[in-house]
């Protein structure tokens, strides 16, 4: 997206961990650039 979210909430922890991996692969940092939160 042209403008990135500042935080991503995943409805379970597995998806949150996958989300962190995607953010890190892009060269961004969790949580400095994008915060990530899970559930479970």
ModelCIF file with pLDDT and N, C-alpha, C, O atoms, coordinates in Angstrom:
data_MODEL
#
_entry.id   MODEL 
#
_entity.id                         1 
_entity.type                       polymer 
_entity.pdbx_number_of_molecules   1 
#
_entity_poly.entity_id                      1 
_entity_poly.type                           'polypeptide(L)' 
_entity_poly.nstd_linkage                   no 
_entity_poly.nstd_monomer                   no 
_entity_poly.pdbx_seq_one_letter_code       
;(UNK)(UNK)(UNK)(UNK)(UNK)(UNK)(UNK)(UNK)(UNK)(UNK)(UNK)(UNK)(UNK)(UNK)(UNK)(UNK)
(UNK)(UNK)(UNK)(UNK)(UNK)(UNK)(UNK)(UNK)(UNK)(UNK)(UNK)(UNK)(UNK)(UNK)(UNK)(UNK)
(UNK)(UNK)(UNK)(UNK)(UNK)(UNK)(UNK)(UNK)
;
_entity_poly.pdbx_seq_one_letter_code_can   XXXXXXXXXXXXXXXXXXXXXXXXXXXXXXXXXXXXXXXX 
_entity_poly.pdbx_strand_id                 A 
#
loop_
_entity_poly_seq.entity_id 
_entity_poly_seq.num 
_entity_poly_seq.mon_id 
_entity_poly_seq.hetero 
1 1  UNK n 
1 2  UNK n 
1 3  UNK n 
1 4  UNK n 
1 5  UNK n 
1 6  UNK n 
1 7  UNK n 
1 8  UNK n 
1 9  UNK n 
1 10 UNK n 
1 11 UNK n 
1 12 UNK n 
1 13 UNK n 
1 14 UNK n 
1 15 UNK n 
1 16 UNK n 
1 17 UNK n 
1 18 UNK n 
1 19 UNK n 
1 20 UNK n 
1 21 UNK n 
1 22 UNK n 
1 23 UNK n 
1 24 UNK n 
1 25 UNK n 
1 26 UNK n 
1 27 UNK n 
1 28 UNK n 
1 29 UNK n 
1 30 UNK n 
1 31 UNK n 
1 32 UNK n 
1 33 UNK n 
1 34 UNK n 
1 35 UNK n 
1 36 UNK n 
1 37 UNK n 
1 38 UNK n 
1 39 UNK n 
1 40 UNK n 
#
_struct_asym.id          A 
_struct_asym.entity_id   1 
#
loop_
_ma_qa_metric.id 
_ma_qa_metric.mode 
_ma_qa_metric.name 
_ma_qa_metric.software_group_id 
_ma_qa_metric.type 
1 global pLDDT . pLDDT 
2 local  pLDDT . pLDDT 
#
_ma_qa_metric_global.metric_id      1 
_ma_qa_metric_global.metric_value   97.40 
_ma_qa_metric_global.model_id       1 
_ma_qa_metric_global.ordinal_id     1 
#
loop_
_ma_qa_metric_local.label_asym_id 
_ma_qa_metric_local.label_comp_id 
_ma_qa_metric_local.label_seq_id 
_ma_qa_metric_local.metric_id 
_ma_qa_metric_local.metric_value 
_ma_qa_metric_local.model_id 
_ma_qa_metric_local.ordinal_id 
A UNK 1  2 96.00 1 1  
A UNK 2  2 94.00 1 2  
A UNK 3  2 95.00 1 3  
A UNK 4  2 96.00 1 4  
A UNK 5  2 97.00 1 5  
A UNK 6  2 98.00 1 6  
A UNK 7  2 98.00 1 7  
A UNK 8  2 98.00 1 8  
A UNK 9  2 98.00 1 9  
A UNK 10 2 98.00 1 10 
A UNK 11 2 97.00 1 11 
A UNK 12 2 97.00 1 12 
A UNK 13 2 98.00 1 13 
A UNK 14 2 98.00 1 14 
A UNK 15 2 98.00 1 15 
A UNK 16 2 98.00 1 16 
A UNK 17 2 98.00 1 17 
A UNK 18 2 98.00 1 18 
A UNK 19 2 98.00 1 19 
A UNK 20 2 98.00 1 20 
A UNK 21 2 98.00 1 21 
A UNK 22 2 98.00 1 22 
A UNK 23 2 98.00 1 23 
A UNK 24 2 98.00 1 24 
A UNK 25 2 97.00 1 25 
A UNK 26 2 97.00 1 26 
A UNK 27 2 97.00 1 27 
A UNK 28 2 97.00 1 28 
A UNK 29 2 98.00 1 29 
A UNK 30 2 98.00 1 30 
A UNK 31 2 98.00 1 31 
A UNK 32 2 97.00 1 32 
A UNK 33 2 97.00 1 33 
A UNK 34 2 98.00 1 34 
A UNK 35 2 98.00 1 35 
A UNK 36 2 98.00 1 36 
A UNK 37 2 98.00 1 37 
A UNK 38 2 98.00 1 38 
A UNK 39 2 97.00 1 39 
A UNK 40 2 95.00 1 40 
#
loop_
_atom_site.group_PDB 
_atom_site.id 
_atom_site.type_symbol 
_atom_site.label_atom_id 
_atom_site.label_alt_id 
_atom_site.label_comp_id 
_atom_site.label_asym_id 
_atom_site.label_entity_id 
_atom_site.label_seq_id 
_atom_site.pdbx_PDB_ins_code 
_atom_site.Cartn_x 
_atom_site.Cartn_y 
_atom_site.Cartn_z 
_atom_site.occupancy 
_atom_site.B_iso_or_equiv 
_atom_site.pdbx_formal_charge 
_atom_site.auth_seq_id 
_atom_site.auth_comp_id 
_atom_site.auth_asym_id 
_atom_site.auth_atom_id 
_atom_site.pdbx_PDB_model_num 
ATOM 1   N N  . UNK A 1 1  ? 0.839  -1.202  0.000  1.00 96.00 ? 1  UNK A N  1 
ATOM 2   C CA . UNK A 1 1  ? 0.000  0.000   0.000  1.00 96.00 ? 1  UNK A CA 1 
ATOM 3   C C  . UNK A 1 1  ? 0.879  1.259   0.000  1.00 96.00 ? 1  UNK A C  1 
ATOM 4   O O  . UNK A 1 1  ? 1.982  1.237   0.546  1.00 96.00 ? 1  UNK A O  1 
ATOM 5   N N  . UNK A 1 2  ? 0.405  2.349   -0.603 1.00 94.00 ? 2  UNK A N  1 
ATOM 6   C CA . UNK A 1 2  ? 1.180  3.595   -0.613 1.00 94.00 ? 2  UNK A CA 1 
ATOM 7   C C  . UNK A 1 2  ? 1.493  4.094   0.799  1.00 94.00 ? 2  UNK A C  1 
ATOM 8   O O  . UNK A 1 2  ? 2.597  4.570   1.063  1.00 94.00 ? 2  UNK A O  1 
ATOM 9   N N  . UNK A 1 3  ? 0.534  3.986   1.687  1.00 95.00 ? 3  UNK A N  1 
ATOM 10  C CA . UNK A 1 3  ? 0.738  4.379   3.079  1.00 95.00 ? 3  UNK A CA 1 
ATOM 11  C C  . UNK A 1 3  ? 0.636  3.122   3.935  1.00 95.00 ? 3  UNK A C  1 
ATOM 12  O O  . UNK A 1 3  ? -0.363 2.404   3.880  1.00 95.00 ? 3  UNK A O  1 
ATOM 13  N N  . UNK A 1 4  ? 1.671  2.859   4.726  1.00 96.00 ? 4  UNK A N  1 
ATOM 14  C CA . UNK A 1 4  ? 1.712  1.624   5.506  1.00 96.00 ? 4  UNK A CA 1 
ATOM 15  C C  . UNK A 1 4  ? 0.942  1.767   6.812  1.00 96.00 ? 4  UNK A C  1 
ATOM 16  O O  . UNK A 1 4  ? 0.852  2.864   7.364  1.00 96.00 ? 4  UNK A O  1 
ATOM 17  N N  . UNK A 1 5  ? 0.380  0.652   7.315  1.00 97.00 ? 5  UNK A N  1 
ATOM 18  C CA . UNK A 1 5  ? -0.207 0.697   8.658  1.00 97.00 ? 5  UNK A CA 1 
ATOM 19  C C  . UNK A 1 5  ? 0.883  0.910   9.690  1.00 97.00 ? 5  UNK A C  1 
ATOM 20  O O  . UNK A 1 5  ? 2.035  0.534   9.473  1.00 97.00 ? 5  UNK A O  1 
ATOM 21  N N  . UNK A 1 6  ? 0.526  1.506   10.800 1.00 98.00 ? 6  UNK A N  1 
ATOM 22  C CA . UNK A 1 6  ? 1.503  1.657   11.885 1.00 98.00 ? 6  UNK A CA 1 
ATOM 23  C C  . UNK A 1 6  ? 1.501  0.447   12.804 1.00 98.00 ? 6  UNK A C  1 
ATOM 24  O O  . UNK A 1 6  ? 2.449  0.230   13.558 1.00 98.00 ? 6  UNK A O  1 
ATOM 25  N N  . UNK A 1 7  ? 0.426  -0.344  12.739 1.00 98.00 ? 7  UNK A N  1 
ATOM 26  C CA . UNK A 1 7  ? 0.330  -1.550  13.549 1.00 98.00 ? 7  UNK A CA 1 
ATOM 27  C C  . UNK A 1 7  ? -0.503 -2.585  12.804 1.00 98.00 ? 7  UNK A C  1 
ATOM 28  O O  . UNK A 1 7  ? -1.393 -2.235  12.028 1.00 98.00 ? 7  UNK A O  1 
ATOM 29  N N  . UNK A 1 8  ? -0.211 -3.855  13.044 1.00 98.00 ? 8  UNK A N  1 
ATOM 30  C CA . UNK A 1 8  ? -0.984 -4.957  12.475 1.00 98.00 ? 8  UNK A CA 1 
ATOM 31  C C  . UNK A 1 8  ? -1.414 -5.865  13.619 1.00 98.00 ? 8  UNK A C  1 
ATOM 32  O O  . UNK A 1 8  ? -0.594 -6.313  14.420 1.00 98.00 ? 8  UNK A O  1 
ATOM 33  N N  . UNK A 1 9  ? -2.707 -6.126  13.677 1.00 98.00 ? 9  UNK A N  1 
ATOM 34  C CA . UNK A 1 9  ? -3.279 -7.032  14.670 1.00 98.00 ? 9  UNK A CA 1 
ATOM 35  C C  . UNK A 1 9  ? -3.699 -8.307  13.950 1.00 98.00 ? 9  UNK A C  1 
ATOM 36  O O  . UNK A 1 9  ? -4.482 -8.258  13.002 1.00 98.00 ? 9  UNK A O  1 
ATOM 37  N N  . UNK A 1 10 ? -3.194 -9.420  14.388 1.00 98.00 ? 10 UNK A N  1 
ATOM 38  C CA . UNK A 1 10 ? -3.549 -10.714 13.801 1.00 98.00 ? 10 UNK A CA 1 
ATOM 39  C C  . UNK A 1 10 ? -4.451 -11.472 14.762 1.00 98.00 ? 10 UNK A C  1 
ATOM 40  O O  . UNK A 1 10 ? -4.267 -11.413 15.978 1.00 98.00 ? 10 UNK A O  1 
ATOM 41  N N  . UNK A 1 11 ? -5.428 -12.186 14.209 1.00 97.00 ? 11 UNK A N  1 
ATOM 42  C CA . UNK A 1 11 ? -6.423 -12.880 15.030 1.00 97.00 ? 11 UNK A CA 1 
ATOM 43  C C  . UNK A 1 11 ? -5.898 -14.173 15.632 1.00 97.00 ? 11 UNK A C  1 
ATOM 44  O O  . UNK A 1 11 ? -6.635 -14.850 16.349 1.00 97.00 ? 11 UNK A O  1 
ATOM 45  N N  . UNK A 1 12 ? -4.649 -14.538 15.366 1.00 97.00 ? 12 UNK A N  1 
ATOM 46  C CA . UNK A 1 12 ? -3.969 -15.549 16.174 1.00 97.00 ? 12 UNK A CA 1 
ATOM 47  C C  . UNK A 1 12 ? -2.461 -15.322 16.086 1.00 97.00 ? 12 UNK A C  1 
ATOM 48  O O  . UNK A 1 12 ? -1.984 -14.560 15.245 1.00 97.00 ? 12 UNK A O  1 
ATOM 49  N N  . UNK A 1 13 ? -1.726 -15.989 16.959 1.00 98.00 ? 13 UNK A N  1 
ATOM 50  C CA . UNK A 1 13 ? -0.287 -15.745 17.060 1.00 98.00 ? 13 UNK A CA 1 
ATOM 51  C C  . UNK A 1 13 ? 0.483  -16.257 15.846 1.00 98.00 ? 13 UNK A C  1 
ATOM 52  O O  . UNK A 1 13 ? 1.478  -15.652 15.445 1.00 98.00 ? 13 UNK A O  1 
ATOM 53  N N  . UNK A 1 14 ? 0.029  -17.372 15.255 1.00 98.00 ? 14 UNK A N  1 
ATOM 54  C CA . UNK A 1 14 ? 0.732  -17.894 14.084 1.00 98.00 ? 14 UNK A CA 1 
ATOM 55  C C  . UNK A 1 14 ? 0.730  -16.864 12.960 1.00 98.00 ? 14 UNK A C  1 
ATOM 56  O O  . UNK A 1 14 ? 1.763  -16.635 12.331 1.00 98.00 ? 14 UNK A O  1 
ATOM 57  N N  . UNK A 1 15 ? -0.403 -16.249 12.704 1.00 98.00 ? 15 UNK A N  1 
ATOM 58  C CA . UNK A 1 15 ? -0.464 -15.219 11.664 1.00 98.00 ? 15 UNK A CA 1 
ATOM 59  C C  . UNK A 1 15 ? 0.387  -14.012 12.042 1.00 98.00 ? 15 UNK A C  1 
ATOM 60  O O  . UNK A 1 15 ? 1.004  -13.393 11.175 1.00 98.00 ? 15 UNK A O  1 
ATOM 61  N N  . UNK A 1 16 ? 0.425  -13.672 13.330 1.00 98.00 ? 16 UNK A N  1 
ATOM 62  C CA . UNK A 1 16 ? 1.243  -12.542 13.784 1.00 98.00 ? 16 UNK A CA 1 
ATOM 63  C C  . UNK A 1 16 ? 2.727  -12.817 13.540 1.00 98.00 ? 16 UNK A C  1 
ATOM 64  O O  . UNK A 1 16 ? 3.465  -11.918 13.137 1.00 98.00 ? 16 UNK A O  1 
ATOM 65  N N  . UNK A 1 17 ? 3.160  -14.042 13.779 1.00 98.00 ? 17 UNK A N  1 
ATOM 66  C CA . UNK A 1 17 ? 4.564  -14.397 13.560 1.00 98.00 ? 17 UNK A CA 1 
ATOM 67  C C  . UNK A 1 17 ? 4.887  -14.338 12.064 1.00 98.00 ? 17 UNK A C  1 
ATOM 68  O O  . UNK A 1 17 ? 5.953  -13.861 11.676 1.00 98.00 ? 17 UNK A O  1 
ATOM 69  N N  . UNK A 1 18 ? 3.964  -14.822 11.225 1.00 98.00 ? 18 UNK A N  1 
ATOM 70  C CA . UNK A 1 18 ? 4.148  -14.694 9.788  1.00 98.00 ? 18 UNK A CA 1 
ATOM 71  C C  . UNK A 1 18 ? 4.207  -13.248 9.355  1.00 98.00 ? 18 UNK A C  1 
ATOM 72  O O  . UNK A 1 18 ? 4.978  -12.886 8.466  1.00 98.00 ? 18 UNK A O  1 
ATOM 73  N N  . UNK A 1 19 ? 3.386  -12.415 9.991  1.00 98.00 ? 19 UNK A N  1 
ATOM 74  C CA . UNK A 1 19 ? 3.381  -10.987 9.694  1.00 98.00 ? 19 UNK A CA 1 
ATOM 75  C C  . UNK A 1 19 ? 4.731  -10.348 10.022 1.00 98.00 ? 19 UNK A C  1 
ATOM 76  O O  . UNK A 1 19 ? 5.255  -9.558  9.237  1.00 98.00 ? 19 UNK A O  1 
ATOM 77  N N  . UNK A 1 20 ? 5.289  -10.690 11.181 1.00 98.00 ? 20 UNK A N  1 
ATOM 78  C CA . UNK A 1 20 ? 6.587  -10.137 11.560 1.00 98.00 ? 20 UNK A CA 1 
ATOM 79  C C  . UNK A 1 20 ? 7.661  -10.540 10.566 1.00 98.00 ? 20 UNK A C  1 
ATOM 80  O O  . UNK A 1 20 ? 8.542  -9.744  10.239 1.00 98.00 ? 20 UNK A O  1 
ATOM 81  N N  . UNK A 1 21 ? 7.589  -11.769 10.086 1.00 98.00 ? 21 UNK A N  1 
ATOM 82  C CA . UNK A 1 21 ? 8.588  -12.240 9.115  1.00 98.00 ? 21 UNK A CA 1 
ATOM 83  C C  . UNK A 1 21 ? 8.506  -11.433 7.828  1.00 98.00 ? 21 UNK A C  1 
ATOM 84  O O  . UNK A 1 21 ? 9.536  -11.070 7.261  1.00 98.00 ? 21 UNK A O  1 
ATOM 85  N N  . UNK A 1 22 ? 7.285  -11.145 7.358  1.00 98.00 ? 22 UNK A N  1 
ATOM 86  C CA . UNK A 1 22 ? 7.112  -10.364 6.131  1.00 98.00 ? 22 UNK A CA 1 
ATOM 87  C C  . UNK A 1 22 ? 7.642  -8.946  6.305  1.00 98.00 ? 22 UNK A C  1 
ATOM 88  O O  . UNK A 1 22 ? 8.282  -8.405  5.403  1.00 98.00 ? 22 UNK A O  1 
ATOM 89  N N  . UNK A 1 23 ? 7.378  -8.346  7.462  1.00 98.00 ? 23 UNK A N  1 
ATOM 90  C CA . UNK A 1 23 ? 7.847  -6.986  7.742  1.00 98.00 ? 23 UNK A CA 1 
ATOM 91  C C  . UNK A 1 23 ? 9.371  -6.946  7.755  1.00 98.00 ? 23 UNK A C  1 
ATOM 92  O O  . UNK A 1 23 ? 9.985  -6.047  7.181  1.00 98.00 ? 23 UNK A O  1 
ATOM 93  N N  . UNK A 1 24 ? 9.970  -7.931  8.417  1.00 98.00 ? 24 UNK A N  1 
ATOM 94  C CA . UNK A 1 24 ? 11.426 -7.979  8.513  1.00 98.00 ? 24 UNK A CA 1 
ATOM 95  C C  . UNK A 1 24 ? 12.069 -8.243  7.160  1.00 98.00 ? 24 UNK A C  1 
ATOM 96  O O  . UNK A 1 24 ? 13.135 -7.704  6.863  1.00 98.00 ? 24 UNK A O  1 
ATOM 97  N N  . UNK A 1 25 ? 11.427 -9.074  6.335  1.00 97.00 ? 25 UNK A N  1 
ATOM 98  C CA . UNK A 1 25 ? 11.979 -9.357  5.011  1.00 97.00 ? 25 UNK A CA 1 
ATOM 99  C C  . UNK A 1 25 ? 11.981 -8.106  4.146  1.00 97.00 ? 25 UNK A C  1 
ATOM 100 O O  . UNK A 1 25 ? 12.854 -7.940  3.295  1.00 97.00 ? 25 UNK A O  1 
ATOM 101 N N  . UNK A 1 26 ? 11.015 -7.233  4.357  1.00 97.00 ? 26 UNK A N  1 
ATOM 102 C CA . UNK A 1 26 ? 10.951 -5.980  3.589  1.00 97.00 ? 26 UNK A CA 1 
ATOM 103 C C  . UNK A 1 26 ? 12.028 -4.999  4.038  1.00 97.00 ? 26 UNK A C  1 
ATOM 104 O O  . UNK A 1 26 ? 12.237 -3.974  3.389  1.00 97.00 ? 26 UNK A O  1 
ATOM 105 N N  . UNK A 1 27 ? 12.705 -5.296  5.127  1.00 97.00 ? 27 UNK A N  1 
ATOM 106 C CA . UNK A 1 27 ? 13.735 -4.406  5.634  1.00 97.00 ? 27 UNK A CA 1 
ATOM 107 C C  . UNK A 1 27 ? 13.259 -3.460  6.708  1.00 97.00 ? 27 UNK A C  1 
ATOM 108 O O  . UNK A 1 27 ? 13.988 -2.560  7.125  1.00 97.00 ? 27 UNK A O  1 
ATOM 109 N N  . UNK A 1 28 ? 12.019 -3.666  7.161  1.00 97.00 ? 28 UNK A N  1 
ATOM 110 C CA . UNK A 1 28 ? 11.474 -2.851  8.245  1.00 97.00 ? 28 UNK A CA 1 
ATOM 111 C C  . UNK A 1 28 ? 11.686 -3.547  9.584  1.00 97.00 ? 28 UNK A C  1 
ATOM 112 O O  . UNK A 1 28 ? 11.994 -4.738  9.637  1.00 97.00 ? 28 UNK A O  1 
ATOM 113 N N  . UNK A 1 29 ? 11.521 -2.800  10.648 1.00 98.00 ? 29 UNK A N  1 
ATOM 114 C CA . UNK A 1 29 ? 11.728 -3.344  11.984 1.00 98.00 ? 29 UNK A CA 1 
ATOM 115 C C  . UNK A 1 29 ? 10.418 -3.390  12.765 1.00 98.00 ? 29 UNK A C  1 
ATOM 116 O O  . UNK A 1 29 ? 9.580  -2.493  12.674 1.00 98.00 ? 29 UNK A O  1 
ATOM 117 N N  . UNK A 1 30 ? 10.273 -4.475  13.540 1.00 98.00 ? 30 UNK A N  1 
ATOM 118 C CA . UNK A 1 30 ? 9.169  -4.614  14.491 1.00 98.00 ? 30 UNK A CA 1 
ATOM 119 C C  . UNK A 1 30 ? 9.758  -4.423  15.889 1.00 98.00 ? 30 UNK A C  1 
ATOM 120 O O  . UNK A 1 30 ? 10.668 -5.163  16.261 1.00 98.00 ? 30 UNK A O  1 
ATOM 121 N N  . UNK A 1 31 ? 9.280  -3.469  16.669 1.00 98.00 ? 31 UNK A N  1 
ATOM 122 C CA . UNK A 1 31 ? 8.119  -2.599  16.448 1.00 98.00 ? 31 UNK A CA 1 
ATOM 123 C C  . UNK A 1 31 ? 8.477  -1.182  15.994 1.00 98.00 ? 31 UNK A C  1 
ATOM 124 O O  . UNK A 1 31 ? 7.600  -0.321  15.925 1.00 98.00 ? 31 UNK A O  1 
ATOM 125 N N  . UNK A 1 32 ? 9.759  -0.925  15.683 1.00 97.00 ? 32 UNK A N  1 
ATOM 126 C CA . UNK A 1 32 ? 10.178 0.456   15.405 1.00 97.00 ? 32 UNK A CA 1 
ATOM 127 C C  . UNK A 1 32 ? 9.404  1.057   14.236 1.00 97.00 ? 32 UNK A C  1 
ATOM 128 O O  . UNK A 1 32 ? 8.990  2.215   14.287 1.00 97.00 ? 32 UNK A O  1 
ATOM 129 N N  . UNK A 1 33 ? 9.211  0.259   13.176 1.00 97.00 ? 33 UNK A N  1 
ATOM 130 C CA . UNK A 1 33 ? 8.497  0.755   11.999 1.00 97.00 ? 33 UNK A CA 1 
ATOM 131 C C  . UNK A 1 33 ? 7.022  0.374   12.023 1.00 97.00 ? 33 UNK A C  1 
ATOM 132 O O  . UNK A 1 33 ? 6.157  1.207   11.755 1.00 97.00 ? 33 UNK A O  1 
ATOM 133 N N  . UNK A 1 34 ? 6.742  -0.865  12.338 1.00 98.00 ? 34 UNK A N  1 
ATOM 134 C CA . UNK A 1 34 ? 5.369  -1.365  12.405 1.00 98.00 ? 34 UNK A CA 1 
ATOM 135 C C  . UNK A 1 34 ? 5.240  -2.261  13.633 1.00 98.00 ? 34 UNK A C  1 
ATOM 136 O O  . UNK A 1 34 ? 6.020  -3.197  13.810 1.00 98.00 ? 34 UNK A O  1 
ATOM 137 N N  . UNK A 1 35 ? 4.268  -1.975  14.466 1.00 98.00 ? 35 UNK A N  1 
ATOM 138 C CA . UNK A 1 35 ? 3.980  -2.842  15.623 1.00 98.00 ? 35 UNK A CA 1 
ATOM 139 C C  . UNK A 1 35 ? 3.128  -4.028  15.176 1.00 98.00 ? 35 UNK A C  1 
ATOM 140 O O  . UNK A 1 35 ? 2.343  -3.927  14.234 1.00 98.00 ? 35 UNK A O  1 
ATOM 141 N N  . UNK A 1 36 ? 3.297  -5.141  15.865 1.00 98.00 ? 36 UNK A N  1 
ATOM 142 C CA . UNK A 1 36 ? 2.527  -6.355  15.552 1.00 98.00 ? 36 UNK A CA 1 
ATOM 143 C C  . UNK A 1 36 ? 1.992  -6.942  16.858 1.00 98.00 ? 36 UNK A C  1 
ATOM 144 O O  . UNK A 1 36 ? 2.703  -7.018  17.861 1.00 98.00 ? 36 UNK A O  1 
ATOM 145 N N  . UNK A 1 37 ? 0.737  -7.350  16.824 1.00 98.00 ? 37 UNK A N  1 
ATOM 146 C CA . UNK A 1 37 ? 0.108  -7.941  18.000 1.00 98.00 ? 37 UNK A CA 1 
ATOM 147 C C  . UNK A 1 37 ? -0.664 -9.190  17.586 1.00 98.00 ? 37 UNK A C  1 
ATOM 148 O O  . UNK A 1 37 ? -1.279 -9.224  16.520 1.00 98.00 ? 37 UNK A O  1 
ATOM 149 N N  . UNK A 1 38 ? -0.627 -10.212 18.434 1.00 98.00 ? 38 UNK A N  1 
ATOM 150 C CA . UNK A 1 38 ? -1.311 -11.464 18.143 1.00 98.00 ? 38 UNK A CA 1 
ATOM 151 C C  . UNK A 1 38 ? -2.470 -11.731 19.091 1.00 98.00 ? 38 UNK A C  1 
ATOM 152 O O  . UNK A 1 38 ? -2.949 -10.849 19.803 1.00 98.00 ? 38 UNK A O  1 
ATOM 153 N N  . UNK A 1 39 ? -2.899 -12.996 19.066 1.00 97.00 ? 39 UNK A N  1 
ATOM 154 C CA . UNK A 1 39 ? -4.017 -13.423 19.910 1.00 97.00 ? 39 UNK A CA 1 
ATOM 155 C C  . UNK A 1 39 ? -3.862 -14.925 20.154 1.00 97.00 ? 39 UNK A C  1 
ATOM 156 O O  . UNK A 1 39 ? -3.643 -15.688 19.213 1.00 97.00 ? 39 UNK A O  1 
ATOM 157 N N  . UNK A 1 40 ? -3.973 -15.341 21.391 1.00 95.00 ? 40 UNK A N  1 
ATOM 158 C CA . UNK A 1 40 ? -3.935 -16.743 21.861 1.00 95.00 ? 40 UNK A CA 1 
ATOM 159 C C  . UNK A 1 40 ? -2.884 -16.951 22.935 1.00 95.00 ? 40 UNK A C  1 
ATOM 160 O O  . UNK A 1 40 ? -2.723 -18.064 23.434 1.00 95.00 ? 40 UNK A O  1 
#
